[in-house]
Structure formats: structure tokens, C-alpha cells
Amino acid sequence: MESIAYISAVLGYLAGKECTGHGPSIIAKVVLQLHRFNGMLHELERLNAAVGVTWNFEKDPVFLGACEEVKKLSPLGLFAELHFNATTPAGYPGSRLRLELPGTSWDAGDPMYFTAGKTAG
């Protein structure tokens, strides 16, 4: 299970020499916010399922906010894609968000998953 510390370390490593000045702070803030958004999306999914409501995550302000947060990584040379997990992947409890980094070891074949609950692992 990825922790936010691990995800931050991967992003910092990939940013390399672009990650100077405020770069580490930007990465830490974005990753923490994505973790929080994941928790909110997990709870929204749970509540909507409990009352039998069909939920359109693509138009949900929480998901749209998470997508905006990812854009803050691009000045560091990090072009990440954020995707919604319609079902929780095995081994990643409460994961509603996954971060893919095209052209890296963390692309669609092996993305990083945010999980609900812990902020560090």
C-alpha cells in the first residue's frame, strides 16, 4: 500500500533538478490534498451506495478539485494523470484515486493508489 510519503518521494525523484526552491513543498501539499480528496470521495461513494443513488463522480466538485490539484505538478515537469477507481482495487482499501505518470515505472500498468485512512504508511 502506497503511503503519501512514498508518493511524495517518487514525485520528488522524478522532478529531479526541477524540484528546487518551493518544489518539495508543492509536491507535499498536492499529495496531502489528493489524500484528503480520496477520503472525501470514498465517503461520498459509501453514502451514495447506502441510499441507492447513482453518483456521477466525473462531475463531482470533489473529483474536479482533485484534478485541478494535479495540475499544480506540471511546473515541476511532472505530467500526472488522475483517475477514479470505480471499484476498490485489491490491497488498496478505500482507494478511489490513482495517480498515473505516463512514460515512467508508475504508468497505467503500475499506478500509485491513494487509500482512505492513514496519512503515512
PDB file of N, CA and C in Angstrom:
ATOM      1  N   MET A   1       0.850  -1.163   0.000  1.00  0.00           N
ATOM      2  CA  MET A   1       0.000   0.000   0.000  1.00  0.00           C
ATOM      3  C   MET A   1       0.902   1.234   0.000  1.00  0.00           C
ATOM      4  N   GLU A   2       0.671   2.131  -0.964  1.00  0.00           N
ATOM      5  CA  GLU A   2       1.462   3.348  -1.018  1.00  0.00           C
ATOM      6  C   GLU A   2       1.064   4.305   0.092  1.00  0.00           C
ATOM      7  N   SER A   3       2.048   4.932   0.669  1.00  0.00           N
ATOM      8  CA  SER A   3       1.773   5.976   1.640  1.00  0.00           C
ATOM      9  C   SER A   3       1.967   7.313   0.943  1.00  0.00           C
ATOM     10  N   ILE A   4       1.485   8.365   1.574  1.00  0.00           N
ATOM     11  CA  ILE A   4       1.687   9.667   0.952  1.00  0.00           C
ATOM     12  C   ILE A   4       3.171  10.041   0.957  1.00  0.00           C
ATOM     13  N   ALA A   5       3.937   9.515   1.910  1.00  0.00           N
ATOM     14  CA  ALA A   5       5.378   9.766   1.924  1.00  0.00           C
ATOM     15  C   ALA A   5       6.030   9.114   0.702  1.00  0.00           C
ATOM     16  N   TYR A   6       5.616   7.897   0.378  1.00  0.00           N
ATOM     17  CA  TYR A   6       6.158   7.196  -0.786  1.00  0.00           C
ATOM     18  C   TYR A   6       5.810   7.942  -2.067  1.00  0.00           C
ATOM     19  N   ILE A   7       4.549   8.332  -2.212  1.00  0.00           N
ATOM     20  CA  ILE A   7       4.117   9.032  -3.420  1.00  0.00           C
ATOM     21  C   ILE A   7       4.880  10.349  -3.554  1.00  0.00           C
ATOM     22  N   SER A   8       5.060  11.061  -2.454  1.00  0.00           N
ATOM     23  CA  SER A   8       5.831  12.311  -2.482  1.00  0.00           C
ATOM     24  C   SER A   8       7.274  12.055  -2.889  1.00  0.00           C
ATOM     25  N   ALA A   9       7.864  10.988  -2.379  1.00  0.00           N
ATOM     26  CA  ALA A   9       9.255  10.666  -2.717  1.00  0.00           C
ATOM     27  C   ALA A   9       9.394  10.333  -4.208  1.00  0.00           C
ATOM     28  N   VAL A  10       8.465   9.574  -4.740  1.00  0.00           N
ATOM     29  CA  VAL A  10       8.500   9.236  -6.168  1.00  0.00           C
ATOM     30  C   VAL A  10       8.411  10.507  -7.008  1.00  0.00           C
ATOM     31  N   LEU A  11       7.468  11.380  -6.665  1.00  0.00           N
ATOM     32  CA  LEU A  11       7.305  12.616  -7.430  1.00  0.00           C
ATOM     33  C   LEU A  11       8.559  13.503  -7.328  1.00  0.00           C
ATOM     34  N   GLY A  12       9.138  13.591  -6.144  1.00  0.00           N
ATOM     35  CA  GLY A  12      10.369  14.365  -5.975  1.00  0.00           C
ATOM     36  C   GLY A  12      11.515  13.794  -6.785  1.00  0.00           C
ATOM     37  N   TYR A  13      11.630  12.472  -6.786  1.00  0.00           N
ATOM     38  CA  TYR A  13      12.670  11.800  -7.566  1.00  0.00           C
ATOM     39  C   TYR A  13      12.492  12.089  -9.059  1.00  0.00           C
ATOM     40  N   LEU A  14      11.263  11.982  -9.534  1.00  0.00           N
ATOM     41  CA  LEU A  14      11.002  12.208 -10.953  1.00  0.00           C
ATOM     42  C   LEU A  14      11.167  13.672 -11.348  1.00  0.00           C
ATOM     43  N   ALA A  15      10.864  14.582 -10.435  1.00  0.00           N
ATOM     44  CA  ALA A  15      11.042  16.003 -10.731  1.00  0.00           C
ATOM     45  C   ALA A  15      12.520  16.352 -10.845  1.00  0.00           C
ATOM     46  N   GLY A  16      13.369  15.613 -10.125  1.00  0.00           N
ATOM     47  CA  GLY A  16      14.815  15.802 -10.211  1.00  0.00           C
ATOM     48  C   GLY A  16      15.239  17.229  -9.971  1.00  0.00           C
ATOM     49  N   LYS A  17      16.054  17.747 -10.879  1.00  0.00           N
ATOM     50  CA  LYS A  17      16.601  19.092 -10.684  1.00  0.00           C
ATOM     51  C   LYS A  17      15.557  20.193 -10.818  1.00  0.00           C
ATOM     52  N   GLU A  18      14.373  19.866 -11.331  1.00  0.00           N
ATOM     53  CA  GLU A  18      13.289  20.848 -11.376  1.00  0.00           C
ATOM     54  C   GLU A  18      12.708  21.075  -9.971  1.00  0.00           C
ATOM     55  N   CYS A  19      12.997  20.147  -9.071  1.00  0.00           N
ATOM     56  CA  CYS A  19      12.401  20.177  -7.731  1.00  0.00           C
ATOM     57  C   CYS A  19      13.304  20.942  -6.767  1.00  0.00           C
ATOM     58  N   THR A  20      13.422  22.242  -6.998  1.00  0.00           N
ATOM     59  CA  THR A  20      14.212  23.104  -6.122  1.00  0.00           C
ATOM     60  C   THR A  20      13.297  24.192  -5.569  1.00  0.00           C
ATOM     61  N   GLY A  21      13.813  24.993  -4.690  1.00  0.00           N
ATOM     62  CA  GLY A  21      13.016  26.082  -4.126  1.00  0.00           C
ATOM     63  C   GLY A  21      11.768  25.559  -3.449  1.00  0.00           C
ATOM     64  N   HIS A  22      10.615  25.913  -4.008  1.00  0.00           N
ATOM     65  CA  HIS A  22       9.340  25.504  -3.426  1.00  0.00           C
ATOM     66  C   HIS A  22       8.855  24.156  -3.947  1.00  0.00           C
ATOM     67  N   GLY A  23       9.621  23.518  -4.817  1.00  0.00           N
ATOM     68  CA  GLY A  23       9.205  22.240  -5.409  1.00  0.00           C
ATOM     69  C   GLY A  23       8.800  21.181  -4.393  1.00  0.00           C
ATOM     70  N   PRO A  24       9.639  20.896  -3.401  1.00  0.00           N
ATOM     71  CA  PRO A  24       9.252  19.880  -2.411  1.00  0.00           C
ATOM     72  C   PRO A  24       7.972  20.245  -1.661  1.00  0.00           C
ATOM     73  N   SER A  25       7.811  21.526  -1.363  1.00  0.00           N
ATOM     74  CA  SER A  25       6.601  21.978  -0.673  1.00  0.00           C
ATOM     75  C   SER A  25       5.370  21.794  -1.560  1.00  0.00           C
ATOM     76  N   ILE A  26       5.499  22.108  -2.839  1.00  0.00           N
ATOM     77  CA  ILE A  26       4.382  21.922  -3.773  1.00  0.00           C
ATOM     78  C   ILE A  26       3.980  20.461  -3.823  1.00  0.00           C
ATOM     79  N   ILE A  27       4.958  19.581  -3.952  1.00  0.00           N
ATOM     80  CA  ILE A  27       4.675  18.143  -4.017  1.00  0.00           C
ATOM     81  C   ILE A  27       3.981  17.683  -2.743  1.00  0.00           C
ATOM     82  N   ALA A  28       4.513  18.056  -1.598  1.00  0.00           N
ATOM     83  CA  ALA A  28       3.926  17.627  -0.325  1.00  0.00           C
ATOM     84  C   ALA A  28       2.479  18.104  -0.194  1.00  0.00           C
ATOM     85  N   LYS A  29       2.227  19.358  -0.556  1.00  0.00           N
ATOM     86  CA  LYS A  29       0.872  19.899  -0.448  1.00  0.00           C
ATOM     87  C   LYS A  29      -0.094  19.216  -1.403  1.00  0.00           C
ATOM     88  N   VAL A  30       0.343  18.981  -2.635  1.00  0.00           N
ATOM     89  CA  VAL A  30      -0.523  18.318  -3.619  1.00  0.00           C
ATOM     90  C   VAL A  30      -0.857  16.904  -3.172  1.00  0.00           C
ATOM     91  N   VAL A  31       0.147  16.162  -2.734  1.00  0.00           N
ATOM     92  CA  VAL A  31      -0.086  14.778  -2.320  1.00  0.00           C
ATOM     93  C   VAL A  31      -1.001  14.717  -1.105  1.00  0.00           C
ATOM     94  N   LEU A  32      -0.802  15.589  -0.146  1.00  0.00           N
ATOM     95  CA  LEU A  32      -1.671  15.614   1.032  1.00  0.00           C
ATOM     96  C   LEU A  32      -3.106  15.958   0.626  1.00  0.00           C
ATOM     97  N   GLN A  33      -3.273  16.929  -0.262  1.00  0.00           N
ATOM     98  CA  GLN A  33      -4.614  17.286  -0.728  1.00  0.00           C
ATOM     99  C   GLN A  33      -5.262  16.117  -1.475  1.00  0.00           C
ATOM    100  N   LEU A  34      -4.504  15.419  -2.308  1.00  0.00           N
ATOM    101  CA  LEU A  34      -5.065  14.272  -3.034  1.00  0.00           C
ATOM    102  C   LEU A  34      -5.500  13.175  -2.065  1.00  0.00           C
ATOM    103  N   HIS A  35      -4.720  12.994  -1.018  1.00  0.00           N
ATOM    104  CA  HIS A  35      -5.102  12.011   0.009  1.00  0.00           C
ATOM    105  C   HIS A  35      -6.432  12.418   0.652  1.00  0.00           C
ATOM    106  N   ARG A  36      -6.576  13.692   0.939  1.00  0.00           N
ATOM    107  CA  ARG A  36      -7.821  14.186   1.537  1.00  0.00           C
ATOM    108  C   ARG A  36      -8.991  14.045   0.563  1.00  0.00           C
ATOM    109  N   PHE A  37      -8.761  14.400  -0.703  1.00  0.00           N
ATOM    110  CA  PHE A  37      -9.812  14.243  -1.708  1.00  0.00           C
ATOM    111  C   PHE A  37     -10.223  12.776  -1.823  1.00  0.00           C
ATOM    112  N   ASN A  38      -9.241  11.867  -1.780  1.00  0.00           N
ATOM    113  CA  ASN A  38      -9.561  10.444  -1.858  1.00  0.00           C
ATOM    114  C   ASN A  38     -10.485  10.038  -0.712  1.00  0.00           C
ATOM    115  N   GLY A  39     -10.185  10.513   0.491  1.00  0.00           N
ATOM    116  CA  GLY A  39     -11.036  10.196   1.634  1.00  0.00           C
ATOM    117  C   GLY A  39     -12.448  10.717   1.466  1.00  0.00           C
ATOM    118  N   MET A  40     -12.568  11.940   0.930  1.00  0.00           N
ATOM    119  CA  MET A  40     -13.898  12.508   0.690  1.00  0.00           C
ATOM    120  C   MET A  40     -14.655  11.702  -0.370  1.00  0.00           C
ATOM    121  N   LEU A  41     -13.964  11.323  -1.437  1.00  0.00           N
ATOM    122  CA  LEU A  41     -14.611  10.537  -2.498  1.00  0.00           C
ATOM    123  C   LEU A  41     -15.027   9.161  -1.997  1.00  0.00           C
ATOM    124  N   HIS A  42     -14.195   8.575  -1.160  1.00  0.00           N
ATOM    125  CA  HIS A  42     -14.529   7.275  -0.567  1.00  0.00           C
ATOM    126  C   HIS A  42     -15.812   7.382   0.248  1.00  0.00           C
ATOM    127  N   GLU A  43     -15.914   8.441   1.043  1.00  0.00           N
ATOM    128  CA  GLU A  43     -17.102   8.632   1.873  1.00  0.00           C
ATOM    129  C   GLU A  43     -18.330   8.946   1.019  1.00  0.00           C
ATOM    130  N   LEU A  44     -18.180   9.774  -0.011  1.00  0.00           N
ATOM    131  CA  LEU A  44     -19.300  10.072  -0.915  1.00  0.00           C
ATOM    132  C   LEU A  44     -19.811   8.812  -1.604  1.00  0.00           C
ATOM    133  N   GLU A  45     -18.890   7.981  -2.050  1.00  0.00           N
ATOM    134  CA  GLU A  45     -19.275   6.725  -2.708  1.00  0.00           C
ATOM    135  C   GLU A  45     -20.043   5.837  -1.727  1.00  0.00           C
ATOM    136  N   ARG A  46     -19.543   5.746  -0.512  1.00  0.00           N
ATOM    137  CA  ARG A  46     -20.195   4.913   0.503  1.00  0.00           C
ATOM    138  C   ARG A  46     -21.601   5.430   0.811  1.00  0.00           C
ATOM    139  N   LEU A  47     -21.729   6.730   1.001  1.00  0.00           N
ATOM    140  CA  LEU A  47     -23.037   7.314   1.322  1.00  0.00           C
ATOM    141  C   LEU A  47     -24.025   7.176   0.169  1.00  0.00           C
ATOM    142  N   ASN A  48     -23.583   7.414  -1.043  1.00  0.00           N
ATOM    143  CA  ASN A  48     -24.461   7.282  -2.199  1.00  0.00           C
ATOM    144  C   ASN A  48     -24.911   5.841  -2.393  1.00  0.00           C
ATOM    145  N   ALA A  49     -24.013   4.886  -2.181  1.00  0.00           N
ATOM    146  CA  ALA A  49     -24.371   3.474  -2.302  1.00  0.00           C
ATOM    147  C   ALA A  49     -25.381   3.085  -1.222  1.00  0.00           C
ATOM    148  N   ALA A  50     -25.234   3.642  -0.022  1.00  0.00           N
ATOM    149  CA  ALA A  50     -26.133   3.308   1.084  1.00  0.00           C
ATOM    150  C   ALA A  50     -27.570   3.748   0.824  1.00  0.00           C
ATOM    151  N   VAL A  51     -27.728   4.846   0.107  1.00  0.00           N
ATOM    152  CA  VAL A  51     -29.085   5.329  -0.170  1.00  0.00           C
ATOM    153  C   VAL A  51     -29.546   4.974  -1.586  1.00  0.00           C
ATOM    154  N   GLY A  52     -28.713   4.252  -2.328  1.00  0.00           N
ATOM    155  CA  GLY A  52     -29.089   3.796  -3.657  1.00  0.00           C
ATOM    156  C   GLY A  52     -29.070   4.861  -4.730  1.00  0.00           C
ATOM    157  N   VAL A  53     -28.242   5.873  -4.559  1.00  0.00           N
ATOM    158  CA  VAL A  53     -28.147   6.959  -5.535  1.00  0.00           C
ATOM    159  C   VAL A  53     -27.046   6.632  -6.542  1.00  0.00           C
ATOM    160  N   THR A  54     -27.345   6.867  -7.818  1.00  0.00           N
ATOM    161  CA  THR A  54     -26.312   6.741  -8.843  1.00  0.00           C
ATOM    162  C   THR A  54     -25.500   8.019  -8.825  1.00  0.00           C
ATOM    163  N   TRP A  55     -24.212   7.872  -8.632  1.00  0.00           N
ATOM    164  CA  TRP A  55     -23.328   9.014  -8.425  1.00  0.00           C
ATOM    165  C   TRP A  55     -22.431   9.192  -9.639  1.00  0.00           C
ATOM    166  N   ASN A  56     -22.383  10.384 -10.181  1.00  0.00           N
ATOM    167  CA  ASN A  56     -21.525  10.689 -11.322  1.00  0.00           C
ATOM    168  C   ASN A  56     -20.273  11.391 -10.809  1.00  0.00           C
ATOM    169  N   PHE A  57     -19.235  10.603 -10.542  1.00  0.00           N
ATOM    170  CA  PHE A  57     -18.005  11.159  -9.976  1.00  0.00           C
ATOM    171  C   PHE A  57     -17.342  12.158 -10.917  1.00  0.00           C
ATOM    172  N   GLU A  58     -17.505  11.976 -12.247  1.00  0.00           N
ATOM    173  CA  GLU A  58     -16.836  12.849 -13.210  1.00  0.00           C
ATOM    174  C   GLU A  58     -17.276  14.309 -13.094  1.00  0.00           C
ATOM    175  N   LYS A  59     -18.474  14.533 -12.576  1.00  0.00           N
ATOM    176  CA  LYS A  59     -18.984  15.892 -12.423  1.00  0.00           C
ATOM    177  C   LYS A  59     -18.965  16.360 -10.970  1.00  0.00           C
ATOM    178  N   ASP A  60     -18.503  15.506 -10.084  1.00  0.00           N
ATOM    179  CA  ASP A  60     -18.493  15.847  -8.663  1.00  0.00           C
ATOM    180  C   ASP A  60     -17.416  16.901  -8.385  1.00  0.00           C
ATOM    181  N   PRO A  61     -17.764  17.954  -7.658  1.00  0.00           N
ATOM    182  CA  PRO A  61     -16.783  19.003  -7.361  1.00  0.00           C
ATOM    183  C   PRO A  61     -15.541  18.490  -6.620  1.00  0.00           C
ATOM    184  N   VAL A  62     -15.693  17.455  -5.842  1.00  0.00           N
ATOM    185  CA  VAL A  62     -14.534  16.900  -5.127  1.00  0.00           C
ATOM    186  C   VAL A  62     -13.550  16.298  -6.124  1.00  0.00           C
ATOM    187  N   PHE A  63     -14.050  15.500  -7.064  1.00  0.00           N
ATOM    188  CA  PHE A  63     -13.165  14.899  -8.069  1.00  0.00           C
ATOM    189  C   PHE A  63     -12.557  15.982  -8.967  1.00  0.00           C
ATOM    190  N   LEU A  64     -13.359  16.947  -9.359  1.00  0.00           N
ATOM    191  CA  LEU A  64     -12.853  18.033 -10.203  1.00  0.00           C
ATOM    192  C   LEU A  64     -11.779  18.835  -9.463  1.00  0.00           C
ATOM    193  N   GLY A  65     -11.957  19.023  -8.158  1.00  0.00           N
ATOM    194  CA  GLY A  65     -10.944  19.702  -7.350  1.00  0.00           C
ATOM    195  C   GLY A  65      -9.651  18.912  -7.300  1.00  0.00           C
ATOM    196  N   ALA A  66      -9.762  17.591  -7.189  1.00  0.00           N
ATOM    197  CA  ALA A  66      -8.570  16.737  -7.179  1.00  0.00           C
ATOM    198  C   ALA A  66      -7.833  16.840  -8.508  1.00  0.00           C
ATOM    199  N   CYS A  67      -8.573  16.882  -9.603  1.00  0.00           N
ATOM    200  CA  CYS A  67      -7.950  17.014 -10.930  1.00  0.00           C
ATOM    201  C   CYS A  67      -7.217  18.346 -11.057  1.00  0.00           C
ATOM    202  N   GLU A  68      -7.785  19.393 -10.511  1.00  0.00           N
ATOM    203  CA  GLU A  68      -7.126  20.708 -10.522  1.00  0.00           C
ATOM    204  C   GLU A  68      -5.842  20.675  -9.694  1.00  0.00           C
ATOM    205  N   GLU A  69      -5.874  19.952  -8.605  1.00  0.00           N
ATOM    206  CA  GLU A  69      -4.705  19.858  -7.721  1.00  0.00           C
ATOM    207  C   GLU A  69      -3.522  19.230  -8.465  1.00  0.00           C
ATOM    208  N   VAL A  70      -3.787  18.211  -9.269  1.00  0.00           N
ATOM    209  CA  VAL A  70      -2.729  17.513 -10.013  1.00  0.00           C
ATOM    210  C   VAL A  70      -2.032  18.463 -10.983  1.00  0.00           C
ATOM    211  N   LYS A  71      -2.765  19.408 -11.528  1.00  0.00           N
ATOM    212  CA  LYS A  71      -2.179  20.361 -12.486  1.00  0.00           C
ATOM    213  C   LYS A  71      -1.068  21.195 -11.858  1.00  0.00           C
ATOM    214  N   LYS A  72      -1.060  21.308 -10.555  1.00  0.00           N
ATOM    215  CA  LYS A  72      -0.020  22.086  -9.862  1.00  0.00           C
ATOM    216  C   LYS A  72       1.347  21.425  -9.958  1.00  0.00           C
ATOM    217  N   LEU A  73       1.388  20.165 -10.389  1.00  0.00           N
ATOM    218  CA  LEU A  73       2.659  19.456 -10.526  1.00  0.00           C
ATOM    219  C   LEU A  73       3.359  19.759 -11.848  1.00  0.00           C
ATOM    220  N   SER A  74       2.624  20.224 -12.848  1.00  0.00           N
ATOM    221  CA  SER A  74       3.215  20.403 -14.181  1.00  0.00           C
ATOM    222  C   SER A  74       4.370  21.413 -14.228  1.00  0.00           C
ATOM    223  N   PRO A  75       4.386  22.505 -13.447  1.00  0.00           N
ATOM    224  CA  PRO A  75       5.559  23.388 -13.484  1.00  0.00           C
ATOM    225  C   PRO A  75       6.850  22.700 -13.031  1.00  0.00           C
ATOM    226  N   LEU A  76       6.703  21.576 -12.340  1.00  0.00           N
ATOM    227  CA  LEU A  76       7.880  20.812 -11.887  1.00  0.00           C
ATOM    228  C   LEU A  76       8.279  19.752 -12.909  1.00  0.00           C
ATOM    229  N   GLY A  77       7.626  19.762 -14.066  1.00  0.00           N
ATOM    230  CA  GLY A  77       7.930  18.772 -15.100  1.00  0.00           C
ATOM    231  C   GLY A  77       7.241  17.445 -14.871  1.00  0.00           C
ATOM    232  N   LEU A  78       6.256  17.422 -13.997  1.00  0.00           N
ATOM    233  CA  LEU A  78       5.522  16.199 -13.681  1.00  0.00           C
ATOM    234  C   LEU A  78       4.154  16.254 -14.348  1.00  0.00           C
ATOM    235  N   PHE A  79       3.962  15.394 -15.311  1.00  0.00           N
ATOM    236  CA  PHE A  79       2.691  15.368 -16.028  1.00  0.00           C
ATOM    237  C   PHE A  79       1.962  14.100 -15.630  1.00  0.00           C
ATOM    238  N   ALA A  80       1.157  14.253 -14.601  1.00  0.00           N
ATOM    239  CA  ALA A  80       0.452  13.131 -13.992  1.00  0.00           C
ATOM    240  C   ALA A  80      -0.989  13.090 -14.479  1.00  0.00           C
ATOM    241  N   GLU A  81      -1.534  11.900 -14.472  1.00  0.00           N
ATOM    242  CA  GLU A  81      -2.944  11.702 -14.792  1.00  0.00           C
ATOM    243  C   GLU A  81      -3.627  11.141 -13.557  1.00  0.00           C
ATOM    244  N   LEU A  82      -4.748  11.726 -13.203  1.00  0.00           N
ATOM    245  CA  LEU A  82      -5.514  11.267 -12.057  1.00  0.00           C
ATOM    246  C   LEU A  82      -6.750  10.546 -12.558  1.00  0.00           C
ATOM    247  N   HIS A  83      -7.000   9.367 -12.009  1.00  0.00           N
ATOM    248  CA  HIS A  83      -8.149   8.566 -12.422  1.00  0.00           C
ATOM    249  C   HIS A  83      -8.948   8.137 -11.204  1.00  0.00           C
ATOM    250  N   PHE A  84     -10.238   7.926 -11.425  1.00  0.00           N
ATOM    251  CA  PHE A  84     -11.144   7.464 -10.377  1.00  0.00           C
ATOM    252  C   PHE A  84     -11.254   5.954 -10.448  1.00  0.00           C
ATOM    253  N   ASN A  85     -11.163   5.284  -9.315  1.00  0.00           N
ATOM    254  CA  ASN A  85     -11.354   3.838  -9.233  1.00  0.00           C
ATOM    255  C   ASN A  85     -12.827   3.564  -8.947  1.00  0.00           C
ATOM    256  N   ALA A  86     -13.533   3.043  -9.936  1.00  0.00           N
ATOM    257  CA  ALA A  86     -14.954   2.732  -9.754  1.00  0.00           C
ATOM    258  C   ALA A  86     -15.138   1.620  -8.725  1.00  0.00           C
ATOM    259  N   THR A  87     -14.179   0.723  -8.659  1.00  0.00           N
ATOM    260  CA  THR A  87     -14.181  -0.326  -7.634  1.00  0.00           C
ATOM    261  C   THR A  87     -12.853  -0.236  -6.896  1.00  0.00           C
ATOM    262  N   THR A  88     -12.866  -0.658  -5.654  1.00  0.00           N
ATOM    263  CA  THR A  88     -11.655  -0.599  -4.849  1.00  0.00           C
ATOM    264  C   THR A  88     -10.700  -1.711  -5.274  1.00  0.00           C
ATOM    265  N   PRO A  89      -9.475  -1.354  -5.701  1.00  0.00           N
ATOM    266  CA  PRO A  89      -8.506  -2.373  -6.101  1.00  0.00           C
ATOM    267  C   PRO A  89      -8.093  -3.237  -4.902  1.00  0.00           C
ATOM    268  N   ALA A  90      -7.862  -4.510  -5.159  1.00  0.00           N
ATOM    269  CA  ALA A  90      -7.420  -5.424  -4.096  1.00  0.00           C
ATOM    270  C   ALA A  90      -6.127  -4.894  -3.476  1.00  0.00           C
ATOM    271  N   GLY A  91      -6.087  -4.881  -2.165  1.00  0.00           N
ATOM    272  CA  GLY A  91      -4.898  -4.440  -1.447  1.00  0.00           C
ATOM    273  C   GLY A  91      -4.825  -2.943  -1.203  1.00  0.00           C
ATOM    274  N   TYR A  92      -5.817  -2.204  -1.673  1.00  0.00           N
ATOM    275  CA  TYR A  92      -5.815  -0.751  -1.507  1.00  0.00           C
ATOM    276  C   TYR A  92      -7.147  -0.307  -0.931  1.00  0.00           C
ATOM    277  N   PRO A  93      -7.356  -0.506   0.364  1.00  0.00           N
ATOM    278  CA  PRO A  93      -8.646  -0.190   0.979  1.00  0.00           C
ATOM    279  C   PRO A  93      -9.023   1.281   0.839  1.00  0.00           C
ATOM    280  N   GLY A  94     -10.244   1.495   0.386  1.00  0.00           N
ATOM    281  CA  GLY A  94     -10.753   2.851   0.261  1.00  0.00           C
ATOM    282  C   GLY A  94     -10.159   3.661  -0.868  1.00  0.00           C
ATOM    283  N   SER A  95      -9.461   3.000  -1.789  1.00  0.00           N
ATOM    284  CA  SER A  95      -8.840   3.745  -2.877  1.00  0.00           C
ATOM    285  C   SER A  95      -9.859   4.150  -3.922  1.00  0.00           C
ATOM    286  N   ARG A  96     -10.036   5.430  -4.072  1.00  0.00           N
ATOM    287  CA  ARG A  96     -10.898   5.980  -5.131  1.00  0.00           C
ATOM    288  C   ARG A  96     -10.072   6.730  -6.157  1.00  0.00           C
ATOM    289  N   LEU A  97      -8.838   7.099  -5.815  1.00  0.00           N
ATOM    290  CA  LEU A  97      -7.976   7.821  -6.742  1.00  0.00           C
ATOM    291  C   LEU A  97      -6.691   7.054  -7.001  1.00  0.00           C
ATOM    292  N   ARG A  98      -6.272   7.093  -8.252  1.00  0.00           N
ATOM    293  CA  ARG A  98      -4.960   6.546  -8.598  1.00  0.00           C
ATOM    294  C   ARG A  98      -4.233   7.571  -9.462  1.00  0.00           C
ATOM    295  N   LEU A  99      -2.947   7.649  -9.241  1.00  0.00           N
ATOM    296  CA  LEU A  99      -2.100   8.603  -9.943  1.00  0.00           C
ATOM    297  C   LEU A  99      -1.219   7.836 -10.917  1.00  0.00           C
ATOM    298  N   GLU A 100      -1.310   8.196 -12.186  1.00  0.00           N
ATOM    299  CA  GLU A 100      -0.501   7.559 -13.227  1.00  0.00           C
ATOM    300  C   GLU A 100       0.474   8.595 -13.778  1.00  0.00           C
ATOM    301  N   LEU A 101       1.702   8.151 -14.005  1.00  0.00           N
ATOM    302  CA  LEU A 101       2.746   9.019 -14.537  1.00  0.00           C
ATOM    303  C   LEU A 101       3.233   8.412 -15.854  1.00  0.00           C
ATOM    304  N   PRO A 102       2.605   8.803 -16.969  1.00  0.00           N
ATOM    305  CA  PRO A 102       2.954   8.230 -18.270  1.00  0.00           C
ATOM    306  C   PRO A 102       4.450   8.318 -18.569  1.00  0.00           C
ATOM    307  N   GLY A 103       4.978   7.252 -19.155  1.00  0.00           N
ATOM    308  CA  GLY A 103       6.390   7.223 -19.529  1.00  0.00           C
ATOM    309  C   GLY A 103       7.321   6.897 -18.389  1.00  0.00           C
ATOM    310  N   THR A 104       6.778   6.473 -17.249  1.00  0.00           N
ATOM    311  CA  THR A 104       7.606   6.120 -16.087  1.00  0.00           C
ATOM    312  C   THR A 104       7.224   4.718 -15.613  1.00  0.00           C
ATOM    313  N   SER A 105       7.890   4.272 -14.578  1.00  0.00           N
ATOM    314  CA  SER A 105       7.550   2.979 -13.963  1.00  0.00           C
ATOM    315  C   SER A 105       6.193   3.017 -13.279  1.00  0.00           C
ATOM    316  N   TRP A 106       5.642   4.208 -13.103  1.00  0.00           N
ATOM    317  CA  TRP A 106       4.353   4.375 -12.414  1.00  0.00           C
ATOM    318  C   TRP A 106       3.262   4.798 -13.396  1.00  0.00           C
ATOM    319  N   ASP A 107       3.272   4.170 -14.566  1.00  0.00           N
ATOM    320  CA  ASP A 107       2.257   4.477 -15.577  1.00  0.00           C
ATOM    321  C   ASP A 107       0.994   3.672 -15.299  1.00  0.00           C
ATOM    322  N   ALA A 108       0.121   3.551 -16.285  1.00  0.00           N
ATOM    323  CA  ALA A 108      -1.154   2.847 -16.095  1.00  0.00           C
ATOM    324  C   ALA A 108      -0.959   1.393 -15.673  1.00  0.00           C
ATOM    325  N   GLY A 109       0.173   0.804 -16.009  1.00  0.00           N
ATOM    326  CA  GLY A 109       0.430  -0.590 -15.634  1.00  0.00           C
ATOM    327  C   GLY A 109       0.753  -0.778 -14.167  1.00  0.00           C
ATOM    328  N   ASP A 110       1.228   0.254 -13.508  1.00  0.00           N
ATOM    329  CA  ASP A 110       1.592   0.166 -12.089  1.00  0.00           C
ATOM    330  C   ASP A 110       1.423   1.539 -11.427  1.00  0.00           C
ATOM    331  N   PRO A 111       0.175   2.034 -11.365  1.00  0.00           N
ATOM    332  CA  PRO A 111      -0.051   3.371 -10.808  1.00  0.00           C
ATOM    333  C   PRO A 111       0.107   3.398  -9.289  1.00  0.00           C
ATOM    334  N   MET A 112       0.102   4.596  -8.757  1.00  0.00           N
ATOM    335  CA  MET A 112       0.138   4.769  -7.306  1.00  0.00           C
ATOM    336  C   MET A 112      -1.293   5.028  -6.832  1.00  0.00           C
ATOM    337  N   TYR A 113      -1.697   4.301  -5.817  1.00  0.00           N
ATOM    338  CA  TYR A 113      -3.061   4.396  -5.289  1.00  0.00           C
ATOM    339  C   TYR A 113      -3.085   5.165  -3.983  1.00  0.00           C
ATOM    340  N   PHE A 114      -4.052   6.053  -3.867  1.00  0.00           N
ATOM    341  CA  PHE A 114      -4.321   6.700  -2.587  1.00  0.00           C
ATOM    342  C   PHE A 114      -5.302   5.825  -1.846  1.00  0.00           C
ATOM    343  N   THR A 115      -5.144   5.713  -0.547  1.00  0.00           N
ATOM    344  CA  THR A 115      -6.054   4.891   0.240  1.00  0.00           C
ATOM    345  C   THR A 115      -6.708   5.745   1.328  1.00  0.00           C
ATOM    346  N   ALA A 116      -7.850   5.302   1.774  1.00  0.00           N
ATOM    347  CA  ALA A 116      -8.551   6.021   2.839  1.00  0.00           C
ATOM    348  C   ALA A 116      -7.931   5.652   4.173  1.00  0.00           C
ATOM    349  N   GLY A 117      -7.891   6.605   5.062  1.00  0.00           N
ATOM    350  CA  GLY A 117      -7.389   6.320   6.409  1.00  0.00           C
ATOM    351  C   GLY A 117      -6.052   6.954   6.667  1.00  0.00           C
ATOM    352  N   LYS A 118      -5.029   6.127   6.800  1.00  0.00           N
ATOM    353  CA  LYS A 118      -3.700   6.587   7.204  1.00  0.00           C
ATOM    354  C   LYS A 118      -3.157   7.654   6.256  1.00  0.00           C
ATOM    355  N   THR A 119      -2.369   8.570   6.825  1.00  0.00           N
ATOM    356  CA  THR A 119      -1.672   9.549   6.006  1.00  0.00           C
ATOM    357  C   THR A 119      -0.225   9.147   5.783  1.00  0.00           C
ATOM    358  N   ALA A 120       0.238   8.145   6.466  1.00  0.00           N
ATOM    359  CA  ALA A 120       1.599   7.645   6.253  1.00  0.00           C
ATOM    360  C   ALA A 120       1.582   6.143   6.467  1.00  0.00           C
ATOM    361  N   GLY A 121       2.465   5.468   5.789  1.00  0.00           N
ATOM    362  CA  GLY A 121       2.461   4.012   5.911  1.00  0.00           C
ATOM    363  C   GLY A 121       3.817   3.434   6.004  1.00  0.00           C
TER     364      GLY A 121
END
